[in-house]
């Protein structure tokens, strides 16, 4: 007799795992790149096939039932083994291909200007760069390595910190002269350029937090122009639109060329950093790329060390 579990789809099990991880149908839908109704349908189908209730739904939360908590570890381990096996099969004959996922800002401001250097050192490796501002799951999205800016918590994944990021004002030399920027208090007559990436993260240094560390009224940090991405805000600063907050890895090149200047401090240490994220410690071509990236970011950090008097974020 055919057992019920033989007809259960991987899509349904994947939806179960994401809802269990996020405690939310909508967040699970975003992680799976499907609609919330599709997630609800998969969960309803799974509950019907198993004959049990997996989640207790209220208007504000989603909680696992005892049987769901017992099931989760088995599903998580099973899907991990399946994806690892599929990954090994897909890599047969394609070991020289490497897919790297990173944010658009990191790709434009750091990775792409240096990728030619990596290709010269390793012409045998084919690198594919996929930009994604969300959290890509290397086990599911056919990604070998993810580079992410955040707090370093990536549940179930291997992560390695790549950088320490210092945040400070940057603008074009011409804008500094035109606006007579000599001290933080001079920002009252400047245009503040914002980006909204990770805007709700408590470890992020935005204009309000930076002004407070500079001893100024943080309320002034709400005015100015806003962009969705860091590279857009920095492009605006390069174009003379105003003063943006730069962070070490994204502005080092333009500071070195004199296209951007730091009109004054303090330089504030962010609680966010770049992390290398993978389903496990990198091996093969992924390990080669990871070692090169670590060395590149270490070089940038050495050349951009802040002054001894720089402020530390509390």
Protein backbone atom coordinates (compact mmCIF):
# COMPACT_ATOMS: atom_id res chain seq x y z
CA UNK A 1 0.00 0.00 0.00
CA UNK A 2 1.31 3.43 -0.97
CA UNK A 3 2.13 5.50 2.09
CA UNK A 4 0.80 9.07 2.43
CA UNK A 5 4.25 10.68 2.79
CA UNK A 6 5.28 9.46 -0.68
CA UNK A 7 2.91 11.98 -2.28
CA UNK A 8 4.04 14.96 -0.22
CA UNK A 9 5.80 17.53 -2.40
CA UNK A 10 9.11 19.23 -1.67
CA UNK A 11 7.35 22.57 -2.25
CA UNK A 12 5.03 21.83 0.66
CA UNK A 13 7.90 20.80 2.92
CA UNK A 14 9.87 23.88 1.89
CA UNK A 15 6.91 26.10 2.71
CA UNK A 16 6.56 24.40 6.10
CA UNK A 17 10.23 25.01 6.90
CA UNK A 18 10.10 28.70 5.93
CA UNK A 19 6.90 29.40 7.88
CA UNK A 20 8.41 27.63 10.89
CA UNK A 21 11.63 29.66 10.58
CA UNK A 22 9.99 33.04 10.09
CA UNK A 23 6.83 32.52 12.20
CA UNK A 24 5.02 34.35 9.40
CA UNK A 25 3.30 33.35 6.18
CA UNK A 26 4.10 36.66 4.48
CA UNK A 27 7.81 36.55 5.34
CA UNK A 28 7.97 32.91 4.27
CA UNK A 29 6.39 33.92 0.95
CA UNK A 30 9.06 36.57 0.42
CA UNK A 31 11.81 34.06 1.17
CA UNK A 32 10.31 31.60 -1.32
CA UNK A 33 9.51 34.28 -3.94
CA UNK A 34 5.84 33.26 -4.06
CA UNK A 35 2.58 34.79 -2.87
CA UNK A 36 1.30 34.36 0.70
CA UNK A 37 -1.75 32.55 -0.69
CA UNK A 38 0.55 30.02 -2.37
CA UNK A 39 2.26 29.37 0.96
CA UNK A 40 -1.12 29.00 2.71
CA UNK A 41 -2.24 26.51 0.06
CA UNK A 42 0.93 24.41 0.45
CA UNK A 43 0.58 24.34 4.23
CA UNK A 44 -3.12 23.44 4.02
CA UNK A 45 -2.28 20.62 1.59
CA UNK A 46 0.46 19.32 3.88
CA UNK A 47 -1.80 19.41 6.95
CA UNK A 48 -4.50 17.58 5.02
CA UNK A 49 -2.11 14.86 3.84
CA UNK A 50 -0.65 14.37 7.33
CA UNK A 51 -3.97 14.69 9.09
CA UNK A 52 -2.54 17.03 11.73
CA UNK A 53 -2.48 20.74 12.48
CA UNK A 54 0.99 22.23 12.10
CA UNK A 55 0.46 25.89 13.02
CA UNK A 56 -1.73 27.84 15.40
CA UNK A 57 -2.63 31.04 13.56
CA UNK A 58 -3.73 34.26 15.25
CA UNK A 59 -4.07 37.77 13.88
CA UNK A 60 -0.60 38.65 15.16
CA UNK A 61 1.48 35.49 15.17
CA UNK A 62 2.00 31.99 13.87
CA UNK A 63 3.06 29.35 16.39
CA UNK A 64 4.17 25.77 15.81
CA UNK A 65 2.16 22.96 17.31
CA UNK A 66 4.07 20.30 19.28
CA UNK A 67 3.94 17.89 16.34
CA UNK A 68 5.29 20.61 14.02
CA UNK A 69 8.23 21.26 16.31
CA UNK A 70 9.01 17.56 16.28
CA UNK A 71 8.72 17.45 12.47
CA UNK A 72 10.82 20.56 11.78
CA UNK A 73 14.24 19.12 12.62
CA UNK A 74 13.66 16.10 10.37
CA UNK A 75 12.41 18.24 7.48
CA UNK A 76 15.29 20.69 7.86
CA UNK A 77 17.88 17.92 7.86
CA UNK A 78 16.21 16.08 4.99
CA UNK A 79 15.99 19.14 2.73
CA UNK A 80 19.60 20.00 3.52
CA UNK A 81 20.75 16.56 2.39
CA UNK A 82 18.63 16.76 -0.76
CA UNK A 83 20.00 20.19 -1.75
CA UNK A 84 23.55 19.14 -1.01
CA UNK A 85 23.12 16.06 -3.20
CA UNK A 86 21.57 18.08 -6.04
CA UNK A 87 24.36 20.62 -5.75
CA UNK A 88 27.01 17.92 -6.08
CA UNK A 89 25.31 16.50 -9.16
CA UNK A 90 24.90 19.90 -10.80
CA UNK A 91 28.58 20.68 -10.25
CA UNK A 92 29.82 17.60 -12.12
CA UNK A 93 31.75 18.90 -15.13
CA UNK A 94 31.18 22.50 -14.03
CA UNK A 95 33.61 22.80 -11.12
CA UNK A 96 35.21 25.90 -12.67
CA UNK A 97 31.95 27.90 -12.53
CA UNK A 98 31.29 29.97 -9.43
CA UNK A 99 28.16 31.99 -8.64
CA UNK A 100 28.54 34.86 -6.18
CA UNK A 101 25.54 36.73 -4.77
CA UNK A 102 25.92 40.23 -3.32
CA UNK A 103 24.06 43.50 -3.03
CA UNK A 104 24.01 45.93 -5.94
CA UNK A 105 25.94 48.50 -3.93
CA UNK A 106 28.72 46.07 -3.01
CA UNK A 107 28.96 44.86 -6.61
CA UNK A 108 29.25 48.38 -8.04
CA UNK A 109 31.37 49.99 -5.35
CA UNK A 110 33.74 47.16 -4.39
CA UNK A 111 33.56 43.86 -6.25
CA UNK A 112 33.37 44.77 -9.95
CA UNK A 113 36.35 47.18 -9.89
CA UNK A 114 38.48 44.33 -8.47
CA UNK A 115 37.09 41.34 -10.33
CA UNK A 116 39.54 41.77 -13.20
CA UNK A 117 42.36 41.29 -10.71
CA UNK A 118 40.81 37.98 -9.59
CA UNK A 119 40.32 36.80 -13.18
CA UNK A 120 43.95 37.56 -14.02
CA UNK A 121 45.08 35.52 -11.02
CA UNK A 122 42.64 32.67 -11.73
CA UNK A 123 41.77 32.59 -15.45
CA UNK A 124 40.60 29.00 -15.07
CA UNK A 125 37.64 30.07 -12.89
CA UNK A 126 34.41 31.43 -14.34
CA UNK A 127 32.69 33.87 -11.97
CA UNK A 128 29.00 34.74 -12.24
CA UNK A 129 27.84 37.72 -10.16
CA UNK A 130 24.17 37.84 -9.16
CA UNK A 131 22.97 40.97 -7.38
CA UNK A 132 20.25 40.53 -4.79
CA UNK A 133 19.46 42.84 -1.90
CA UNK A 134 17.60 40.11 -0.04
CA UNK A 135 19.03 37.15 1.85
CA UNK A 136 19.76 34.43 -0.68
CA UNK A 137 19.81 30.90 0.70
CA UNK A 138 22.84 29.14 -0.85
CA UNK A 139 21.14 25.77 -0.34
CA UNK A 140 18.13 26.72 -2.40
CA UNK A 141 19.18 29.41 -4.87
CA UNK A 142 22.16 27.68 -6.55
CA UNK A 143 24.53 30.21 -5.04
CA UNK A 144 28.06 29.19 -4.08
CA UNK A 145 28.86 32.24 -1.97
CA UNK A 146 26.79 35.13 -0.62
CA UNK A 147 28.26 38.44 0.49
CA UNK A 148 25.87 40.23 2.84
CA UNK A 149 25.92 43.42 4.91
CA UNK A 150 24.23 42.92 8.23
CA UNK A 151 24.47 41.90 11.85
CA UNK A 152 25.93 38.44 11.18
CA UNK A 153 22.97 36.27 12.19
CA UNK A 154 22.26 33.82 9.34
CA UNK A 155 20.37 30.89 10.82
CA UNK A 156 21.53 27.47 9.66
CA UNK A 157 24.26 28.87 7.41
CA UNK A 158 28.03 29.18 7.67
CA UNK A 159 29.15 32.81 8.00
CA UNK A 160 32.51 34.58 8.21
CA UNK A 161 32.96 38.26 9.03
CA UNK A 162 34.87 40.08 6.30
CA UNK A 163 35.11 43.65 7.49
CA UNK A 164 34.85 46.28 10.17
CA UNK A 165 32.96 49.24 8.76
CA UNK A 166 33.53 52.84 9.80
CA UNK A 167 30.88 55.40 8.87
CA UNK A 168 31.69 59.06 8.21
CA UNK A 169 30.54 62.03 6.09
CA UNK A 170 31.73 62.20 2.47
CA UNK A 171 31.16 64.73 -0.29
CA UNK A 172 32.83 66.01 -3.43
CA UNK A 173 35.74 68.44 -2.95
CA UNK A 174 33.79 71.09 -4.86
CA UNK A 175 30.74 70.72 -2.60
CA UNK A 176 32.93 71.04 0.49
CA UNK A 177 34.38 74.30 -0.84
CA UNK A 178 31.04 75.67 -1.98
CA UNK A 179 29.29 74.86 1.31
CA UNK A 180 32.30 75.85 3.46
CA UNK A 181 32.22 72.62 5.44
CA UNK A 182 34.86 72.79 8.16
CA UNK A 183 33.12 71.30 11.21
CA UNK A 184 30.06 69.10 11.90
CA UNK A 185 28.00 72.16 12.88
CA UNK A 186 28.33 73.39 9.27
CA UNK A 187 26.01 70.57 8.16
CA UNK A 188 23.09 72.81 9.12
CA UNK A 189 23.50 74.52 5.73
CA UNK A 190 24.26 71.34 3.77
CA UNK A 191 22.00 68.85 2.00
CA UNK A 192 22.10 65.50 3.79
CA UNK A 193 21.97 62.51 1.45
CA UNK A 194 20.40 59.34 2.90
CA UNK A 195 20.07 55.73 1.82
CA UNK A 196 17.37 53.51 3.28
CA UNK A 197 19.09 50.09 3.30
CA UNK A 198 18.51 48.29 6.63
CA UNK A 199 16.81 51.45 7.83
CA UNK A 200 15.19 49.73 10.83
CA UNK A 201 18.31 47.84 12.00
CA UNK A 202 19.45 49.02 15.47
CA UNK A 203 23.11 48.59 14.55
CA UNK A 204 22.96 50.88 11.53
CA UNK A 205 24.64 54.29 11.66
CA UNK A 206 22.31 56.79 9.96
CA UNK A 207 22.41 60.56 9.97
CA UNK A 208 20.44 60.85 13.20
CA UNK A 209 22.83 58.55 15.07
CA UNK A 210 25.90 60.15 13.50
CA UNK A 211 24.78 63.67 14.45
CA UNK A 212 24.13 62.53 18.02
CA UNK A 213 27.70 61.13 18.22
CA UNK A 214 28.98 64.45 16.86
CA UNK A 215 27.19 66.26 19.70
CA UNK A 216 24.55 67.81 17.46
CA UNK A 217 20.76 67.73 17.44
CA UNK A 218 19.78 64.42 15.86
CA UNK A 219 16.50 65.95 14.66
CA UNK A 220 18.45 67.65 11.85
CA UNK A 221 19.25 64.16 10.53
CA UNK A 222 15.72 63.71 9.17
CA UNK A 223 15.99 66.32 6.44
CA UNK A 224 17.59 65.92 3.02
CA UNK A 225 17.20 63.57 0.06
CA UNK A 226 16.65 59.80 0.25
CA UNK A 227 17.75 56.96 -2.02
CA UNK A 228 16.94 53.28 -1.80
CA UNK A 229 20.55 52.04 -2.14
CA UNK A 230 23.92 53.09 -0.78
CA UNK A 231 25.53 53.28 -4.22
CA UNK A 232 22.85 55.76 -5.32
CA UNK A 233 23.47 58.01 -2.31
CA UNK A 234 27.22 57.92 -2.95
CA UNK A 235 26.69 58.72 -6.63
CA UNK A 236 24.65 61.74 -5.55
CA UNK A 237 27.51 62.85 -3.29
CA UNK A 238 29.99 62.38 -6.14
CA UNK A 239 27.77 64.56 -8.30
CA UNK A 240 27.83 67.38 -5.78
CA UNK A 241 24.28 66.99 -4.51
CA UNK A 242 25.22 67.01 -0.83
CA UNK A 243 26.90 65.09 1.99
CA UNK A 244 26.37 61.34 2.33
CA UNK A 245 27.45 58.87 4.98
CA UNK A 246 30.06 56.57 3.50
CA UNK A 247 31.37 53.34 4.92
CA UNK A 248 34.90 52.07 4.54
CA UNK A 249 34.48 49.35 1.91
CA UNK A 250 32.28 51.41 -0.40
CA UNK A 251 34.19 54.72 -0.49
CA UNK A 252 37.87 53.74 -0.22
CA UNK A 253 38.48 53.90 -3.99
CA UNK A 254 36.93 57.34 -4.47
CA UNK A 255 38.72 58.73 -1.42
CA UNK A 256 42.01 57.46 -2.81
CA UNK A 257 41.36 59.17 -6.16
CA UNK A 258 40.26 62.41 -4.54
CA UNK A 259 36.76 62.19 -5.99
CA UNK A 260 35.33 62.17 -2.47
CA UNK A 261 36.66 63.81 0.67
CA UNK A 262 35.93 63.42 4.37
CA UNK A 263 35.24 67.02 5.47
CA UNK A 264 35.43 66.16 9.19
CA UNK A 265 34.81 63.40 11.74
CA UNK A 266 33.93 61.63 13.82
CA UNK A 267 34.30 58.24 12.19
CA UNK A 268 31.79 55.94 13.86
CA UNK A 269 32.17 52.18 14.00
CA UNK A 270 29.07 50.40 12.74
CA UNK A 271 27.66 47.29 14.36
CA UNK A 272 26.99 46.02 10.85
CA UNK A 273 29.64 44.44 8.63
CA UNK A 274 30.11 42.42 5.46
CA UNK A 275 29.86 38.66 5.90
CA UNK A 276 30.69 35.74 3.66
CA UNK A 277 27.71 33.36 3.84
CA UNK A 278 27.53 29.81 2.50
CA UNK A 279 25.90 26.45 3.24
CA UNK A 280 29.23 25.30 4.65
CA UNK A 281 32.89 26.24 4.77
CA UNK A 282 33.87 27.03 1.14
CA UNK A 283 35.75 24.38 -0.79
CA UNK A 284 37.26 24.19 -4.27
CA UNK A 285 36.73 27.28 -6.44
CA UNK A 286 34.55 28.84 -3.73
CA UNK A 287 37.46 28.61 -1.29
CA UNK A 288 39.80 30.27 -3.78
CA UNK A 289 37.38 33.15 -4.26
CA UNK A 290 36.70 33.46 -0.53
CA UNK A 291 40.43 33.69 0.27
CA UNK A 292 40.94 36.33 -2.42
CA UNK A 293 37.97 38.37 -1.18
CA UNK A 294 39.17 38.24 2.44
CA UNK A 295 42.62 39.44 1.37
CA UNK A 296 41.14 42.25 -0.74
CA UNK A 297 38.94 43.53 2.06
CA UNK A 298 41.80 43.25 4.55
CA UNK A 299 43.94 45.42 2.27
CA UNK A 300 41.22 48.06 2.07
CA UNK A 301 40.82 48.01 5.86
CA UNK A 302 44.56 48.54 6.41
CA UNK A 303 44.66 51.50 4.04
CA UNK A 304 41.57 53.06 5.59
CA UNK A 305 42.26 52.73 9.32
CA UNK A 306 40.57 55.54 11.25
CA UNK A 307 42.43 57.99 13.43
CA UNK A 308 43.07 56.93 17.00
CA UNK A 309 40.52 59.50 18.21
CA UNK A 310 37.68 58.08 16.13
CA UNK A 311 34.41 57.49 17.93
CA UNK A 312 33.14 54.03 18.66
CA UNK A 313 29.47 53.29 18.38
CA UNK A 314 28.10 52.21 21.78
